[in-house]
Structure formats: structure tokens, C-alpha cells
N, C-alpha and C. Protein backbone atom coordinates (compact mmCIF):
# COMPACT_ATOMS: atom_id res chain seq x y z
N MET A 1 0.86 -1.19 0.00
CA MET A 1 0.00 0.00 0.00
C MET A 1 0.89 1.24 0.00
N SER A 2 0.63 2.20 -0.90
CA SER A 2 1.43 3.41 -1.00
C SER A 2 1.21 4.30 0.20
N GLU A 3 2.11 5.32 0.33
CA GLU A 3 1.97 6.27 1.43
C GLU A 3 0.66 7.02 1.33
N PHE A 4 0.24 7.36 0.11
CA PHE A 4 -1.05 8.07 -0.07
C PHE A 4 -2.22 7.20 0.38
N ASP A 5 -2.16 5.92 -0.03
CA ASP A 5 -3.25 5.02 0.35
C ASP A 5 -3.33 4.85 1.85
N ARG A 6 -2.15 4.71 2.50
CA ARG A 6 -2.15 4.54 3.96
C ARG A 6 -2.71 5.77 4.66
N ARG A 7 -2.28 6.95 4.18
CA ARG A 7 -2.76 8.18 4.79
C ARG A 7 -4.26 8.34 4.59
N ALA A 8 -4.75 8.07 3.39
CA ALA A 8 -6.18 8.19 3.10
C ALA A 8 -6.99 7.20 3.93
N PHE A 9 -6.43 5.98 4.05
CA PHE A 9 -7.12 4.97 4.85
C PHE A 9 -7.25 5.40 6.30
N LEU A 10 -6.17 5.99 6.85
CA LEU A 10 -6.20 6.44 8.23
C LEU A 10 -7.21 7.56 8.41
N VAL A 11 -7.25 8.49 7.45
CA VAL A 11 -8.23 9.59 7.55
C VAL A 11 -9.64 9.05 7.52
N ALA A 12 -9.91 8.09 6.61
CA ALA A 12 -11.25 7.51 6.53
C ALA A 12 -11.61 6.80 7.82
N SER A 13 -10.62 6.08 8.38
CA SER A 13 -10.88 5.35 9.63
C SER A 13 -11.22 6.32 10.75
N VAL A 14 -10.50 7.44 10.80
CA VAL A 14 -10.77 8.43 11.84
C VAL A 14 -12.16 9.00 11.69
N GLY A 15 -12.55 9.30 10.42
CA GLY A 15 -13.88 9.85 10.19
C GLY A 15 -14.98 8.89 10.60
N LEU A 16 -14.84 7.64 10.19
CA LEU A 16 -15.86 6.65 10.56
C LEU A 16 -15.84 6.36 12.04
N GLY A 17 -14.64 6.37 12.62
CA GLY A 17 -14.54 6.13 14.06
C GLY A 17 -15.21 7.24 14.85
N ALA A 18 -15.05 8.49 14.38
CA ALA A 18 -15.68 9.61 15.07
C ALA A 18 -17.19 9.48 15.03
N ALA A 19 -17.71 9.08 13.87
CA ALA A 19 -19.16 8.90 13.76
C ALA A 19 -19.64 7.80 14.70
N ALA A 20 -18.87 6.70 14.76
CA ALA A 20 -19.26 5.59 15.63
C ALA A 20 -19.23 5.99 17.10
N VAL A 21 -18.17 6.75 17.47
CA VAL A 21 -18.05 7.19 18.86
C VAL A 21 -19.18 8.13 19.22
N ALA A 22 -19.50 9.06 18.30
CA ALA A 22 -20.59 10.00 18.58
C ALA A 22 -21.90 9.26 18.77
N HIS A 23 -22.12 8.25 17.92
CA HIS A 23 -23.36 7.48 18.05
C HIS A 23 -23.38 6.71 19.36
N ALA A 24 -22.21 6.13 19.74
CA ALA A 24 -22.15 5.37 20.99
C ALA A 24 -22.37 6.28 22.19
N VAL A 25 -21.76 7.50 22.14
CA VAL A 25 -21.93 8.44 23.25
C VAL A 25 -23.38 8.84 23.39
N THR A 26 -24.01 9.11 22.23
CA THR A 26 -25.41 9.53 22.26
C THR A 26 -26.29 8.41 22.78
N THR A 27 -26.02 7.19 22.30
CA THR A 27 -26.80 6.05 22.78
C THR A 27 -26.64 5.86 24.27
N GLY A 28 -25.39 6.04 24.75
CA GLY A 28 -25.16 5.92 26.18
C GLY A 28 -25.85 7.01 26.96
N ALA A 29 -25.86 8.24 26.38
CA ALA A 29 -26.50 9.36 27.07
C ALA A 29 -27.98 9.15 27.22
N LEU A 30 -28.57 8.50 26.22
CA LEU A 30 -30.01 8.28 26.28
C LEU A 30 -30.37 6.94 26.89
N GLY A 31 -29.31 6.15 27.19
CA GLY A 31 -29.59 4.81 27.69
C GLY A 31 -30.39 4.80 28.96
N ALA A 32 -30.12 5.81 29.82
CA ALA A 32 -30.85 5.87 31.09
C ALA A 32 -32.30 6.25 30.87
N GLN A 33 -32.58 6.88 29.71
CA GLN A 33 -33.95 7.31 29.45
C GLN A 33 -34.67 6.35 28.53
N GLN A 34 -33.93 5.62 27.71
CA GLN A 34 -34.52 4.70 26.77
C GLN A 34 -33.83 3.34 26.88
N PRO A 35 -34.08 2.58 27.91
CA PRO A 35 -33.38 1.31 28.11
C PRO A 35 -33.70 0.32 27.01
N ALA A 36 -32.74 -0.57 26.77
CA ALA A 36 -32.93 -1.58 25.73
C ALA A 36 -33.98 -2.58 26.17
N ALA A 37 -34.42 -3.36 25.18
CA ALA A 37 -35.45 -4.35 25.46
C ALA A 37 -34.99 -5.29 26.57
N ASN A 38 -35.87 -5.57 27.48
CA ASN A 38 -35.55 -6.45 28.60
C ASN A 38 -36.39 -7.71 28.48
N PHE A 39 -35.72 -8.83 28.21
CA PHE A 39 -36.44 -10.09 28.03
C PHE A 39 -36.45 -10.92 29.31
N ALA A 40 -36.01 -10.30 30.41
CA ALA A 40 -36.05 -10.99 31.70
C ALA A 40 -37.49 -11.03 32.20
N PRO A 41 -37.76 -11.86 33.22
CA PRO A 41 -39.12 -11.88 33.78
C PRO A 41 -39.55 -10.50 34.24
N MET A 42 -40.85 -10.24 34.17
CA MET A 42 -41.37 -8.94 34.56
C MET A 42 -41.10 -8.65 36.03
N GLU A 43 -40.79 -7.40 36.31
CA GLU A 43 -40.59 -6.96 37.68
C GLU A 43 -41.93 -6.47 38.22
N GLN A 44 -42.71 -7.39 38.72
CA GLN A 44 -44.06 -7.04 39.16
C GLN A 44 -44.04 -6.13 40.38
N GLY A 45 -42.91 -6.04 41.04
CA GLY A 45 -42.81 -5.17 42.20
C GLY A 45 -42.25 -3.80 41.87
N ALA A 46 -42.15 -3.45 40.59
CA ALA A 46 -41.53 -2.19 40.19
C ALA A 46 -42.45 -0.99 40.39
N TYR A 47 -43.72 -1.24 40.60
CA TYR A 47 -44.68 -0.13 40.74
C TYR A 47 -44.41 0.68 41.99
N ARG A 48 -44.49 2.03 41.85
CA ARG A 48 -44.42 2.94 42.98
C ARG A 48 -45.54 3.97 42.83
N SER A 49 -46.17 4.29 43.89
CA SER A 49 -47.32 5.20 43.84
C SER A 49 -46.90 6.59 43.36
N THR A 50 -47.72 7.13 42.45
CA THR A 50 -47.49 8.48 41.93
C THR A 50 -48.70 9.34 42.28
N MET A 51 -49.06 9.33 43.52
CA MET A 51 -50.23 10.07 43.97
C MET A 51 -49.86 11.52 44.28
N ARG A 52 -50.81 12.41 44.03
CA ARG A 52 -50.68 13.82 44.39
C ARG A 52 -52.03 14.28 44.97
N PRO A 53 -52.02 15.24 45.88
CA PRO A 53 -53.30 15.74 46.43
C PRO A 53 -54.15 16.36 45.32
N ASP A 54 -55.44 16.18 45.40
CA ASP A 54 -56.32 16.81 44.42
C ASP A 54 -56.22 18.33 44.53
N LYS A 55 -56.33 18.99 43.39
CA LYS A 55 -56.33 20.45 43.39
C LYS A 55 -57.69 20.95 43.91
N PRO A 56 -57.71 22.12 44.53
CA PRO A 56 -59.00 22.67 45.00
C PRO A 56 -59.99 22.81 43.83
N GLY A 57 -61.19 22.29 44.04
CA GLY A 57 -62.21 22.36 43.00
C GLY A 57 -61.81 21.63 41.74
N ALA A 58 -61.10 20.52 41.92
CA ALA A 58 -60.53 19.79 40.78
C ALA A 58 -61.60 19.30 39.80
N THR A 59 -61.31 19.53 38.53
CA THR A 59 -62.12 18.96 37.45
C THR A 59 -61.15 18.41 36.41
N PRO A 60 -61.48 17.30 35.79
CA PRO A 60 -60.57 16.72 34.79
C PRO A 60 -60.30 17.68 33.64
N LYS A 61 -59.04 17.78 33.25
CA LYS A 61 -58.64 18.65 32.14
C LYS A 61 -58.35 17.86 30.86
N LEU A 62 -58.41 16.54 30.97
CA LEU A 62 -58.11 15.70 29.81
C LEU A 62 -59.31 14.86 29.44
N SER A 63 -59.55 14.74 28.13
CA SER A 63 -60.58 13.82 27.66
C SER A 63 -60.02 12.41 27.71
N VAL A 64 -60.86 11.43 27.44
CA VAL A 64 -60.40 10.04 27.44
C VAL A 64 -59.32 9.84 26.39
N ASP A 65 -59.53 10.40 25.19
CA ASP A 65 -58.52 10.26 24.12
C ASP A 65 -57.21 10.94 24.51
N GLU A 66 -57.30 12.10 25.12
CA GLU A 66 -56.09 12.81 25.55
C GLU A 66 -55.37 12.04 26.65
N ARG A 67 -56.14 11.43 27.53
CA ARG A 67 -55.53 10.61 28.59
C ARG A 67 -54.82 9.41 27.99
N ASP A 68 -55.46 8.75 27.01
CA ASP A 68 -54.81 7.59 26.38
C ASP A 68 -53.54 8.02 25.64
N ALA A 69 -53.60 9.18 24.97
CA ALA A 69 -52.41 9.69 24.28
C ALA A 69 -51.30 9.97 25.28
N LEU A 70 -51.66 10.47 26.44
CA LEU A 70 -50.68 10.72 27.48
C LEU A 70 -50.04 9.42 27.95
N GLU A 71 -50.84 8.37 28.09
CA GLU A 71 -50.30 7.08 28.55
C GLU A 71 -49.32 6.48 27.55
N HIS A 72 -49.43 6.86 26.28
CA HIS A 72 -48.45 6.41 25.29
C HIS A 72 -47.09 7.07 25.52
N ARG A 73 -47.06 8.13 26.31
CA ARG A 73 -45.80 8.84 26.58
C ARG A 73 -45.16 8.42 27.90
N ILE A 74 -45.84 7.51 28.62
CA ILE A 74 -45.32 7.04 29.90
C ILE A 74 -44.96 5.56 29.78
N LYS A 75 -43.76 5.22 30.12
CA LYS A 75 -43.26 3.86 29.93
C LYS A 75 -43.63 2.97 31.12
N CYS A 76 -44.11 1.77 30.81
CA CYS A 76 -44.36 0.80 31.87
C CYS A 76 -43.03 0.40 32.49
N GLN A 77 -43.00 0.25 33.80
CA GLN A 77 -41.76 -0.04 34.52
C GLN A 77 -41.57 -1.52 34.84
N CYS A 78 -42.35 -2.38 34.19
CA CYS A 78 -42.24 -3.81 34.51
C CYS A 78 -40.98 -4.44 33.92
N GLY A 79 -40.28 -3.71 33.05
CA GLY A 79 -39.09 -4.26 32.41
C GLY A 79 -39.28 -4.44 30.92
N CYS A 80 -40.49 -4.22 30.42
CA CYS A 80 -40.72 -4.30 28.97
C CYS A 80 -40.34 -2.97 28.33
N ILE A 81 -40.58 -2.82 27.04
CA ILE A 81 -40.25 -1.58 26.35
C ILE A 81 -41.53 -0.86 25.91
N LEU A 82 -42.66 -1.22 26.50
CA LEU A 82 -43.94 -0.67 26.07
C LEU A 82 -44.37 0.49 26.95
N ASP A 83 -45.22 1.37 26.37
CA ASP A 83 -45.84 2.39 27.19
C ASP A 83 -46.96 1.74 28.01
N ILE A 84 -47.47 2.46 29.00
CA ILE A 84 -48.42 1.81 29.90
C ILE A 84 -49.76 1.51 29.21
N TYR A 85 -50.13 2.33 28.23
CA TYR A 85 -51.38 2.05 27.53
C TYR A 85 -51.26 0.74 26.74
N THR A 86 -50.18 0.60 25.97
CA THR A 86 -50.00 -0.60 25.16
C THR A 86 -49.82 -1.83 26.03
N CYS A 87 -49.04 -1.68 27.10
CA CYS A 87 -48.77 -2.84 27.96
C CYS A 87 -50.05 -3.32 28.63
N ARG A 88 -50.84 -2.41 29.15
CA ARG A 88 -52.03 -2.83 29.89
C ARG A 88 -53.14 -3.36 28.98
N THR A 89 -53.08 -3.00 27.69
CA THR A 89 -54.12 -3.47 26.77
C THR A 89 -53.68 -4.66 25.93
N THR A 90 -52.44 -5.09 26.06
CA THR A 90 -51.96 -6.23 25.26
C THR A 90 -51.36 -7.34 26.10
N ASP A 91 -50.79 -7.01 27.26
CA ASP A 91 -50.17 -8.03 28.10
C ASP A 91 -50.90 -8.06 29.44
N PHE A 92 -51.84 -8.98 29.56
CA PHE A 92 -52.69 -8.99 30.74
C PHE A 92 -52.04 -9.68 31.93
N SER A 93 -50.79 -10.15 31.77
CA SER A 93 -50.08 -10.72 32.90
C SER A 93 -49.33 -9.65 33.70
N CYS A 94 -49.22 -8.45 33.11
CA CYS A 94 -48.49 -7.37 33.78
C CYS A 94 -49.37 -6.74 34.86
N GLN A 95 -48.79 -6.56 36.05
CA GLN A 95 -49.51 -5.92 37.15
C GLN A 95 -49.08 -4.46 37.34
N VAL A 96 -47.99 -4.07 36.66
CA VAL A 96 -47.45 -2.73 36.85
C VAL A 96 -48.22 -1.69 36.04
N SER A 97 -48.46 -1.99 34.75
CA SER A 97 -49.13 -1.00 33.90
C SER A 97 -50.55 -0.68 34.37
N PRO A 98 -51.34 -1.67 34.83
CA PRO A 98 -52.67 -1.29 35.36
C PRO A 98 -52.57 -0.39 36.58
N ALA A 99 -51.57 -0.64 37.43
CA ALA A 99 -51.41 0.20 38.62
C ALA A 99 -51.00 1.62 38.23
N MET A 100 -50.12 1.74 37.25
CA MET A 100 -49.71 3.06 36.77
C MET A 100 -50.89 3.76 36.08
N HIS A 101 -51.71 2.98 35.39
CA HIS A 101 -52.91 3.54 34.75
C HIS A 101 -53.85 4.11 35.80
N ARG A 102 -53.99 3.44 36.92
CA ARG A 102 -54.87 3.93 37.99
C ARG A 102 -54.34 5.26 38.54
N ASP A 103 -53.01 5.39 38.61
CA ASP A 103 -52.43 6.65 39.06
C ASP A 103 -52.75 7.77 38.06
N VAL A 104 -52.69 7.45 36.77
CA VAL A 104 -53.04 8.45 35.76
C VAL A 104 -54.49 8.89 35.94
N LEU A 105 -55.38 7.93 36.14
CA LEU A 105 -56.79 8.25 36.33
C LEU A 105 -56.99 9.18 37.54
N ARG A 106 -56.29 8.87 38.63
CA ARG A 106 -56.44 9.68 39.84
C ARG A 106 -55.91 11.11 39.62
N LEU A 107 -54.77 11.21 38.92
CA LEU A 107 -54.19 12.53 38.66
C LEU A 107 -55.07 13.35 37.73
N VAL A 108 -55.64 12.68 36.73
CA VAL A 108 -56.57 13.39 35.83
C VAL A 108 -57.78 13.88 36.62
N ALA A 109 -58.34 12.99 37.44
CA ALA A 109 -59.50 13.37 38.25
C ALA A 109 -59.14 14.47 39.25
N GLY A 110 -57.86 14.52 39.64
CA GLY A 110 -57.42 15.53 40.61
C GLY A 110 -57.15 16.89 40.00
N GLY A 111 -57.41 17.05 38.69
CA GLY A 111 -57.27 18.35 38.05
C GLY A 111 -55.91 18.63 37.45
N TYR A 112 -55.06 17.60 37.31
CA TYR A 112 -53.72 17.80 36.75
C TYR A 112 -53.76 17.69 35.23
N ASP A 113 -52.96 18.52 34.54
CA ASP A 113 -52.90 18.45 33.09
C ASP A 113 -51.76 17.51 32.67
N ALA A 114 -51.58 17.34 31.35
CA ALA A 114 -50.62 16.36 30.85
C ALA A 114 -49.19 16.65 31.31
N PRO A 115 -48.67 17.88 31.15
CA PRO A 115 -47.29 18.13 31.61
C PRO A 115 -47.10 17.87 33.09
N GLU A 116 -48.11 18.22 33.90
CA GLU A 116 -48.00 17.99 35.34
C GLU A 116 -47.98 16.51 35.67
N ILE A 117 -48.74 15.72 34.92
CA ILE A 117 -48.78 14.27 35.17
C ILE A 117 -47.45 13.64 34.76
N LEU A 118 -46.90 14.09 33.62
CA LEU A 118 -45.59 13.58 33.20
C LEU A 118 -44.53 13.91 34.24
N ASP A 119 -44.56 15.14 34.74
CA ASP A 119 -43.60 15.54 35.77
C ASP A 119 -43.75 14.69 37.03
N ALA A 120 -44.99 14.35 37.38
CA ALA A 120 -45.22 13.53 38.57
C ALA A 120 -44.58 12.16 38.42
N PHE A 121 -44.72 11.55 37.24
CA PHE A 121 -44.12 10.23 37.02
C PHE A 121 -42.60 10.31 36.96
N VAL A 122 -42.06 11.40 36.42
CA VAL A 122 -40.61 11.57 36.41
C VAL A 122 -40.08 11.73 37.83
N GLN A 123 -40.81 12.46 38.67
CA GLN A 123 -40.40 12.61 40.06
C GLN A 123 -40.40 11.26 40.79
N THR A 124 -41.31 10.38 40.40
CA THR A 124 -41.40 9.08 41.06
C THR A 124 -40.38 8.08 40.54
N TYR A 125 -40.25 8.00 39.21
CA TYR A 125 -39.41 6.96 38.60
C TYR A 125 -38.12 7.49 37.97
N GLY A 126 -38.03 8.79 37.78
CA GLY A 126 -36.90 9.34 37.02
C GLY A 126 -37.26 9.45 35.55
N GLU A 127 -36.27 9.85 34.75
CA GLU A 127 -36.50 10.05 33.31
C GLU A 127 -36.90 8.75 32.60
N VAL A 128 -36.63 7.60 33.20
CA VAL A 128 -37.01 6.32 32.57
C VAL A 128 -38.51 6.16 32.49
N ALA A 129 -39.25 7.05 33.14
CA ALA A 129 -40.71 6.97 33.06
C ALA A 129 -41.23 7.44 31.71
N LEU A 130 -40.40 8.13 30.93
CA LEU A 130 -40.84 8.70 29.66
C LEU A 130 -40.42 7.81 28.49
N THR A 131 -41.31 7.67 27.52
CA THR A 131 -40.96 6.92 26.31
C THR A 131 -39.99 7.69 25.43
N GLU A 132 -39.99 9.02 25.56
CA GLU A 132 -39.03 9.87 24.85
C GLU A 132 -38.48 10.88 25.85
N PRO A 133 -37.16 11.15 25.79
CA PRO A 133 -36.60 12.14 26.71
C PRO A 133 -37.12 13.53 26.40
N LYS A 134 -37.15 14.37 27.39
CA LYS A 134 -37.59 15.74 27.16
C LYS A 134 -36.59 16.45 26.26
N LYS A 135 -37.10 17.27 25.35
CA LYS A 135 -36.24 17.99 24.41
C LYS A 135 -35.72 19.26 25.07
N GLU A 136 -34.82 19.05 26.01
CA GLU A 136 -34.24 20.19 26.72
C GLU A 136 -32.88 19.78 27.24
N GLY A 137 -32.01 20.79 27.45
CA GLY A 137 -30.69 20.52 27.99
C GLY A 137 -29.88 19.55 27.14
N PHE A 138 -29.17 18.65 27.81
CA PHE A 138 -28.29 17.71 27.12
C PHE A 138 -29.06 16.72 26.26
N ASN A 139 -30.34 16.53 26.55
CA ASN A 139 -31.14 15.59 25.77
C ASN A 139 -31.23 15.97 24.30
N TRP A 140 -31.09 17.28 24.01
CA TRP A 140 -31.13 17.70 22.60
C TRP A 140 -30.06 17.01 21.79
N ALA A 141 -28.92 16.68 22.41
CA ALA A 141 -27.84 16.02 21.68
C ALA A 141 -28.30 14.71 21.09
N GLY A 142 -29.21 14.03 21.78
CA GLY A 142 -29.70 12.75 21.28
C GLY A 142 -30.44 12.84 19.98
N TYR A 143 -30.95 14.02 19.65
CA TYR A 143 -31.71 14.20 18.43
C TYR A 143 -30.82 14.65 17.26
N PHE A 144 -29.68 15.30 17.57
CA PHE A 144 -28.89 15.89 16.50
C PHE A 144 -27.53 15.24 16.27
N VAL A 145 -26.87 14.76 17.32
CA VAL A 145 -25.52 14.23 17.18
C VAL A 145 -25.43 13.09 16.18
N PRO A 146 -26.33 12.08 16.22
CA PRO A 146 -26.20 10.98 15.25
C PRO A 146 -26.27 11.47 13.80
N SER A 147 -27.19 12.38 13.49
CA SER A 147 -27.32 12.87 12.11
C SER A 147 -26.09 13.64 11.69
N ILE A 148 -25.56 14.48 12.59
CA ILE A 148 -24.37 15.25 12.27
C ILE A 148 -23.18 14.33 12.03
N ALA A 149 -23.04 13.31 12.89
CA ALA A 149 -21.91 12.38 12.75
C ALA A 149 -21.99 11.61 11.44
N ILE A 150 -23.19 11.15 11.08
CA ILE A 150 -23.36 10.40 9.83
C ILE A 150 -23.07 11.29 8.63
N ALA A 151 -23.56 12.54 8.67
CA ALA A 151 -23.33 13.46 7.56
C ALA A 151 -21.84 13.76 7.41
N THR A 152 -21.14 13.96 8.54
CA THR A 152 -19.71 14.24 8.49
C THR A 152 -18.94 13.06 7.92
N GLY A 153 -19.30 11.85 8.38
CA GLY A 153 -18.65 10.65 7.83
C GLY A 153 -18.87 10.52 6.34
N GLY A 154 -20.09 10.85 5.88
CA GLY A 154 -20.39 10.76 4.45
C GLY A 154 -19.56 11.74 3.64
N VAL A 155 -19.38 12.97 4.16
CA VAL A 155 -18.57 13.97 3.46
C VAL A 155 -17.11 13.51 3.38
N VAL A 156 -16.59 12.98 4.50
CA VAL A 156 -15.19 12.52 4.52
C VAL A 156 -14.98 11.41 3.50
N ILE A 157 -15.90 10.45 3.47
CA ILE A 157 -15.76 9.33 2.53
C ILE A 157 -15.84 9.81 1.09
N THR A 158 -16.76 10.74 0.81
CA THR A 158 -16.90 11.27 -0.55
C THR A 158 -15.62 11.96 -1.00
N LEU A 159 -15.04 12.79 -0.13
CA LEU A 159 -13.80 13.47 -0.48
C LEU A 159 -12.66 12.50 -0.71
N LEU A 160 -12.59 11.45 0.14
CA LEU A 160 -11.52 10.47 -0.04
C LEU A 160 -11.67 9.69 -1.33
N LEU A 161 -12.91 9.32 -1.67
CA LEU A 161 -13.14 8.61 -2.93
C LEU A 161 -12.73 9.46 -4.13
N ARG A 162 -13.00 10.75 -4.05
CA ARG A 162 -12.58 11.63 -5.14
C ARG A 162 -11.07 11.71 -5.24
N LYS A 163 -10.39 11.80 -4.07
CA LYS A 163 -8.93 11.85 -4.08
C LYS A 163 -8.34 10.56 -4.63
N TRP A 164 -8.91 9.42 -4.20
CA TRP A 164 -8.42 8.15 -4.70
C TRP A 164 -8.61 8.05 -6.21
N GLY A 165 -9.77 8.50 -6.70
CA GLY A 165 -10.03 8.46 -8.13
C GLY A 165 -9.06 9.32 -8.90
N ALA A 166 -8.80 10.54 -8.39
CA ALA A 166 -7.85 11.44 -9.06
C ALA A 166 -6.45 10.85 -9.05
N ALA A 167 -6.05 10.25 -7.91
CA ALA A 167 -4.73 9.65 -7.81
C ALA A 167 -4.60 8.48 -8.78
N ALA A 168 -5.66 7.67 -8.89
CA ALA A 168 -5.62 6.53 -9.81
C ALA A 168 -5.49 7.00 -11.25
N ARG A 169 -6.25 8.06 -11.60
CA ARG A 169 -6.15 8.58 -12.97
C ARG A 169 -4.77 9.14 -13.27
N SER A 170 -4.20 9.86 -12.28
CA SER A 170 -2.86 10.42 -12.47
C SER A 170 -1.83 9.32 -12.65
N ALA A 171 -1.96 8.26 -11.83
CA ALA A 171 -1.01 7.15 -11.95
C ALA A 171 -1.14 6.47 -13.30
N ALA A 172 -2.38 6.29 -13.78
CA ALA A 172 -2.59 5.66 -15.08
C ALA A 172 -2.01 6.51 -16.20
N GLU A 173 -2.20 7.84 -16.11
CA GLU A 173 -1.65 8.73 -17.13
C GLU A 173 -0.13 8.71 -17.11
N ALA A 174 0.46 8.64 -15.90
CA ALA A 174 1.91 8.59 -15.79
C ALA A 174 2.46 7.31 -16.41
N ARG A 175 1.78 6.19 -16.15
CA ARG A 175 2.24 4.93 -16.74
C ARG A 175 2.12 4.96 -18.26
N ALA A 176 1.02 5.56 -18.73
CA ALA A 176 0.82 5.63 -20.18
C ALA A 176 1.88 6.50 -20.83
N ALA A 177 2.24 7.61 -20.17
CA ALA A 177 3.25 8.50 -20.73
C ALA A 177 4.63 7.85 -20.73
N ALA A 178 4.89 7.01 -19.73
CA ALA A 178 6.21 6.36 -19.64
C ALA A 178 6.31 5.12 -20.49
N SER A 179 5.22 4.61 -21.02
CA SER A 179 5.24 3.38 -21.80
C SER A 179 5.86 3.64 -23.17
N PRO A 180 6.84 2.84 -23.60
CA PRO A 180 7.51 3.05 -24.89
C PRO A 180 6.72 2.53 -26.08
N VAL A 181 5.68 1.78 -25.86
CA VAL A 181 4.96 1.17 -26.97
C VAL A 181 3.48 1.53 -26.85
N GLY A 182 2.98 2.25 -27.87
CA GLY A 182 1.55 2.51 -27.95
C GLY A 182 1.00 3.34 -26.82
N GLY A 183 1.88 4.01 -26.02
CA GLY A 183 1.40 4.86 -24.95
C GLY A 183 0.82 4.11 -23.77
N GLU A 184 0.91 2.76 -23.76
CA GLU A 184 0.29 2.01 -22.68
C GLU A 184 0.96 0.65 -22.56
N ASN A 185 1.28 0.22 -21.38
CA ASN A 185 1.89 -1.08 -21.19
C ASN A 185 0.95 -2.18 -21.61
N GLU A 186 1.48 -3.17 -22.27
CA GLU A 186 0.69 -4.34 -22.63
C GLU A 186 0.44 -5.17 -21.38
N PRO A 187 -0.74 -5.71 -21.21
CA PRO A 187 -1.03 -6.51 -20.02
C PRO A 187 -0.08 -7.69 -19.91
N GLY A 188 0.53 -7.88 -18.75
CA GLY A 188 1.37 -9.05 -18.50
C GLY A 188 2.79 -8.92 -19.02
N LEU A 189 3.18 -7.78 -19.65
CA LEU A 189 4.52 -7.62 -20.20
C LEU A 189 5.35 -6.71 -19.30
N SER A 190 6.57 -7.15 -19.02
CA SER A 190 7.46 -6.32 -18.23
C SER A 190 8.19 -5.35 -19.16
N THR A 191 8.99 -4.46 -18.55
CA THR A 191 9.76 -3.51 -19.35
C THR A 191 10.76 -4.24 -20.25
N ALA A 192 11.37 -5.30 -19.73
CA ALA A 192 12.33 -6.08 -20.54
C ALA A 192 11.63 -6.76 -21.72
N ASP A 193 10.41 -7.28 -21.46
CA ASP A 193 9.65 -7.91 -22.55
C ASP A 193 9.32 -6.89 -23.62
N LEU A 194 8.96 -5.69 -23.22
CA LEU A 194 8.63 -4.65 -24.18
C LEU A 194 9.86 -4.27 -25.01
N ALA A 195 11.01 -4.22 -24.33
CA ALA A 195 12.25 -3.89 -25.06
C ALA A 195 12.56 -4.95 -26.10
N ARG A 196 12.42 -6.25 -25.73
CA ARG A 196 12.68 -7.32 -26.69
C ARG A 196 11.67 -7.26 -27.84
N LEU A 197 10.41 -6.96 -27.52
CA LEU A 197 9.40 -6.87 -28.56
C LEU A 197 9.72 -5.73 -29.52
N GLU A 198 10.21 -4.62 -28.98
CA GLU A 198 10.54 -3.47 -29.82
C GLU A 198 11.71 -3.80 -30.74
N ARG A 199 12.73 -4.54 -30.20
CA ARG A 199 13.88 -4.93 -31.02
C ARG A 199 13.44 -5.87 -32.14
N ALA A 200 12.55 -6.82 -31.79
CA ALA A 200 12.09 -7.76 -32.81
C ALA A 200 11.33 -7.04 -33.91
N MET A 201 10.53 -6.01 -33.53
CA MET A 201 9.79 -5.27 -34.53
C MET A 201 10.72 -4.50 -35.45
N ARG A 202 11.84 -3.96 -34.89
CA ARG A 202 12.81 -3.24 -35.73
C ARG A 202 13.53 -4.18 -36.67
N GLU A 203 13.87 -5.38 -36.16
CA GLU A 203 14.55 -6.37 -37.02
C GLU A 203 13.66 -6.83 -38.17
N ASP A 204 12.36 -7.04 -37.85
CA ASP A 204 11.46 -7.45 -38.91
C ASP A 204 11.30 -6.37 -39.96
N ALA A 205 11.40 -5.12 -39.51
CA ALA A 205 11.25 -4.03 -40.45
C ALA A 205 12.47 -3.94 -41.36
């Protein structure tokens, strides 16, 4: 491998490595908020009460559809990767999602709106209570870093491919200019073979 090829290869490796590291860092940063699928037995004891006192003169601020939409944003804590609405309506062996659903019902009846209910579950369980991290602070990196890293890697690879192509064309032109016969080396013939062929052609002439 030539010095140019080695240098280009190292640059490409660095570019791809940077993209991989950025993706790994981002994945790690969001890991606490978006845990991987857990195929272990359900943690039926994971439920913790998320009760809050009713507001004075409390009236529900959410319709049934809005409440269900809210439950899609709250993750069941049994160890699965489902939100509490999906878990409680599809896996009837889970005891955690129905209990969390009851807390949602009580909070809605207590006059709490959607952001307040989400905050209540985060206070109880931490950020892992959310199916998506809040778009604030360091969490914003999770939405942009992977795309930026991939785009940067793509630009680096494109530039390297162009350099390699230009270098290959230059090398081919140099070989063609240096070839004593027909402007191009014959496939499989060495310089000595070409010299003998040229002498034979002169003798025949």
C-alpha cells in the first residue's frame, strides 16, 4: 500500500470512528432514558405510587382520548419496552401497567394536566418513566448528534473517494506517458519484454 493510500485509509478510519463514537456516546447518554429491550421476567414489584393531592375544586382537564395519548408517553416499569397504555391493553399478565394507569386516572381526576402528570411520574421513577426524553438541555444532543456524525462521515468518505479516483487517474496517465509502446503497457509484459518486442519489430522491419 502506498503512502497516499495509507494516509487516506487512516483519515477515513478516523472519520468513521468519530461517527461511531458519537453514536455510541449519544446512545449511552439516552440509555438511562430509553433502556434496551428487557427479556427478563417482569418486575411485578416495580410499581411505585405516583399520587398527588387533588387540586381545590378539581375537574378533569383531559378527555379520554387525551388521557390515552398521554399514557403512550409514559413507559411501563415492569421491564418491557412498552408504554403503559400498550402494555395494559396487550399483556394482561403485567400488574405494573394497570397500577400506573390507575395513578393516571387519579391525577386526571385531581385536576392535573398532561405536563404535570408527566412531571409527577418523572419525580417518582426518574426520566425512565418517559418513552421519549424531554427535548431540553443535554437531551437535545440525542436528536442531532447521530445525524451530524453520519453526515460528516459521508462527506469525509466522498472526499476520499474523489482523491483516490484522481490519484488513480494520475497514476494511469503517468504509466501511459512512460510506456515506450503505444502509450500504454501491454497486459502481463514487463519492461524487458517490451524492449525485446521493440527490437524484434525493428529487425522485422
